[in-house]
Amino acid sequence: MGNIMLRKLLVASAAVAAIFAFAFVSHPVAAKSCTVLAEKAVGLKESETSTRALKQLNRKAKHWAKKNGYTSPQISKLSTTCTKKGAIYHCTAKEKVCG
């Protein structure tokens, strides 16, 4: 009688230990965070203004990655739009950055 109870107790404790080990050891991988960054630039030439907006955007993306502890951010969905207002170009660069 004592042998059967001991066997049941060992099986139950092994099952509980396996459940706890699975729950605490196998943490899910931390999801990477993403954000959309935008930067504006103003200038007389469209090409120079667009380039300046992209440079500022890349600097902002690197700062965001460093601030959040990411070593190599992935940049996707890059878009640049420029509009002319009088003699001045207004360019906006946007990108999605994931860490």
C-alpha atoms as a PDB file:
ATOM      1  CA  MET A   1       0.000   0.000   0.000  1.00  0.00           C
ATOM      2  CA  GLY A   2       2.796   2.418   0.900  1.00  0.00           C
ATOM      3  CA  ASN A   3       4.664   1.520  -2.295  1.00  0.00           C
ATOM      4  CA  ILE A   4       1.692   2.503  -4.508  1.00  0.00           C
ATOM      5  CA  MET A   5       1.217   5.815  -2.692  1.00  0.00           C
ATOM      6  CA  LEU A   6       4.917   6.608  -3.017  1.00  0.00           C
ATOM      7  CA  ARG A   7       4.804   5.827  -6.748  1.00  0.00           C
ATOM      8  CA  LYS A   8       1.731   8.075  -7.236  1.00  0.00           C
ATOM      9  CA  LEU A   9       3.418  10.856  -5.264  1.00  0.00           C
ATOM     10  CA  LEU A  10       6.575  10.599  -7.387  1.00  0.00           C
ATOM     11  CA  VAL A  11       4.592  10.678 -10.650  1.00  0.00           C
ATOM     12  CA  ALA A  12       2.554  13.671  -9.488  1.00  0.00           C
ATOM     13  CA  SER A  13       5.617  15.579  -8.289  1.00  0.00           C
ATOM     14  CA  ALA A  14       7.453  14.828 -11.555  1.00  0.00           C
ATOM     15  CA  ALA A  15       4.493  16.148 -13.546  1.00  0.00           C
ATOM     16  CA  VAL A  16       4.302  19.331 -11.475  1.00  0.00           C
ATOM     17  CA  ALA A  17       8.070  19.822 -11.756  1.00  0.00           C
ATOM     18  CA  ALA A  18       7.897  19.395 -15.538  1.00  0.00           C
ATOM     19  CA  ILE A  19       5.105  21.963 -15.812  1.00  0.00           C
ATOM     20  CA  PHE A  20       7.003  24.506 -13.706  1.00  0.00           C
ATOM     21  CA  ALA A  21      10.253  23.866 -15.581  1.00  0.00           C
ATOM     22  CA  PHE A  22       8.507  24.398 -18.912  1.00  0.00           C
ATOM     23  CA  ALA A  23       6.765  27.555 -17.683  1.00  0.00           C
ATOM     24  CA  PHE A  24       9.845  29.224 -16.187  1.00  0.00           C
ATOM     25  CA  VAL A  25      12.680  28.038 -18.413  1.00  0.00           C
ATOM     26  CA  SER A  26      11.099  28.489 -21.834  1.00  0.00           C
ATOM     27  CA  HIS A  27      10.403  32.200 -21.836  1.00  0.00           C
ATOM     28  CA  PRO A  28       9.192  33.526 -25.157  1.00  0.00           C
ATOM     29  CA  VAL A  29      11.686  35.503 -27.211  1.00  0.00           C
ATOM     30  CA  ALA A  30      11.239  39.203 -26.605  1.00  0.00           C
ATOM     31  CA  ALA A  31       9.399  40.787 -29.499  1.00  0.00           C
ATOM     32  CA  LYS A  32      11.272  43.474 -31.326  1.00  0.00           C
ATOM     33  CA  SER A  33       9.741  46.876 -31.170  1.00  0.00           C
ATOM     34  CA  CYS A  34       9.130  48.996 -34.252  1.00  0.00           C
ATOM     35  CA  THR A  35       8.457  52.649 -34.796  1.00  0.00           C
ATOM     36  CA  VAL A  36       7.848  55.030 -37.666  1.00  0.00           C
ATOM     37  CA  LEU A  37      10.237  57.960 -37.805  1.00  0.00           C
ATOM     38  CA  ALA A  38       9.856  61.116 -39.886  1.00  0.00           C
ATOM     39  CA  GLU A  39      12.171  64.010 -40.564  1.00  0.00           C
ATOM     40  CA  LYS A  40      11.646  67.259 -42.458  1.00  0.00           C
ATOM     41  CA  ALA A  41      14.091  69.463 -44.344  1.00  0.00           C
ATOM     42  CA  VAL A  42      13.767  72.759 -46.213  1.00  0.00           C
ATOM     43  CA  GLY A  43      16.012  74.029 -48.997  1.00  0.00           C
ATOM     44  CA  LEU A  44      16.372  75.683 -52.379  1.00  0.00           C
ATOM     45  CA  LYS A  45      17.290  72.543 -54.366  1.00  0.00           C
ATOM     46  CA  GLU A  46      15.119  69.445 -54.265  1.00  0.00           C
ATOM     47  CA  SER A  47      17.998  66.956 -54.446  1.00  0.00           C
ATOM     48  CA  GLU A  48      19.967  68.580 -51.631  1.00  0.00           C
ATOM     49  CA  THR A  49      16.872  68.952 -49.477  1.00  0.00           C
ATOM     50  CA  SER A  50      15.900  65.316 -49.966  1.00  0.00           C
ATOM     51  CA  THR A  51      19.437  64.160 -49.163  1.00  0.00           C
ATOM     52  CA  ARG A  52      19.495  66.291 -46.011  1.00  0.00           C
ATOM     53  CA  ALA A  53      16.173  64.847 -44.848  1.00  0.00           C
ATOM     54  CA  LEU A  54      17.495  61.303 -45.384  1.00  0.00           C
ATOM     55  CA  LYS A  55      20.704  62.054 -43.460  1.00  0.00           C
ATOM     56  CA  GLN A  56      18.735  63.489 -40.551  1.00  0.00           C
ATOM     57  CA  LEU A  57      16.398  60.489 -40.629  1.00  0.00           C
ATOM     58  CA  ASN A  58      19.281  58.002 -40.534  1.00  0.00           C
ATOM     59  CA  ARG A  59      20.788  59.870 -37.592  1.00  0.00           C
ATOM     60  CA  LYS A  60      17.426  59.765 -35.814  1.00  0.00           C
ATOM     61  CA  ALA A  61      17.077  56.007 -36.508  1.00  0.00           C
ATOM     62  CA  LYS A  62      20.554  55.295 -35.114  1.00  0.00           C
ATOM     63  CA  HIS A  63      19.758  57.359 -32.023  1.00  0.00           C
ATOM     64  CA  TRP A  64      16.473  55.492 -31.514  1.00  0.00           C
ATOM     65  CA  ALA A  65      18.244  52.139 -31.839  1.00  0.00           C
ATOM     66  CA  LYS A  66      21.016  53.115 -29.422  1.00  0.00           C
ATOM     67  CA  LYS A  67      18.526  54.511 -26.911  1.00  0.00           C
ATOM     68  CA  ASN A  68      16.540  51.252 -26.959  1.00  0.00           C
ATOM     69  CA  GLY A  69      19.610  49.001 -26.803  1.00  0.00           C
ATOM     70  CA  TYR A  70      19.547  47.634 -30.355  1.00  0.00           C
ATOM     71  CA  THR A  71      22.807  47.088 -32.204  1.00  0.00           C
ATOM     72  CA  SER A  72      21.579  46.685 -35.789  1.00  0.00           C
ATOM     73  CA  PRO A  73      18.200  48.236 -36.549  1.00  0.00           C
ATOM     74  CA  GLN A  74      16.310  47.063 -39.626  1.00  0.00           C
ATOM     75  CA  ILE A  75      14.996  49.869 -41.801  1.00  0.00           C
ATOM     76  CA  SER A  76      12.062  49.268 -44.115  1.00  0.00           C
ATOM     77  CA  LYS A  77       9.345  51.187 -45.939  1.00  0.00           C
ATOM     78  CA  LEU A  78      11.427  54.266 -46.684  1.00  0.00           C
ATOM     79  CA  SER A  79       9.608  57.076 -48.478  1.00  0.00           C
ATOM     80  CA  THR A  80      10.525  60.628 -49.376  1.00  0.00           C
ATOM     81  CA  THR A  81       8.065  63.275 -50.514  1.00  0.00           C
ATOM     82  CA  CYS A  82       8.956  66.767 -51.624  1.00  0.00           C
ATOM     83  CA  THR A  83       6.670  69.696 -52.308  1.00  0.00           C
ATOM     84  CA  LYS A  84       7.565  73.089 -53.674  1.00  0.00           C
ATOM     85  CA  LYS A  85       6.160  76.153 -51.941  1.00  0.00           C
ATOM     86  CA  GLY A  86       7.261  79.228 -53.819  1.00  0.00           C
ATOM     87  CA  ALA A  87      11.004  78.926 -54.369  1.00  0.00           C
ATOM     88  CA  ILE A  88      11.561  76.584 -51.416  1.00  0.00           C
ATOM     89  CA  TYR A  89      11.335  72.783 -51.330  1.00  0.00           C
ATOM     90  CA  HIS A  90       9.882  71.045 -48.292  1.00  0.00           C
ATOM     91  CA  CYS A  91      10.904  67.386 -48.118  1.00  0.00           C
ATOM     92  CA  THR A  92       9.690  64.794 -45.640  1.00  0.00           C
ATOM     93  CA  ALA A  93      11.390  61.434 -45.237  1.00  0.00           C
ATOM     94  CA  LYS A  94       9.654  58.600 -43.377  1.00  0.00           C
ATOM     95  CA  GLU A  95      10.792  55.092 -42.519  1.00  0.00           C
ATOM     96  CA  LYS A  96       9.825  52.155 -40.365  1.00  0.00           C
ATOM     97  CA  VAL A  97      12.600  51.067 -38.000  1.00  0.00           C
ATOM     98  CA  CYS A  98      12.607  47.796 -36.078  1.00  0.00           C
ATOM     99  CA  GLY A  99      15.128  46.842 -33.448  1.00  0.00           C
END
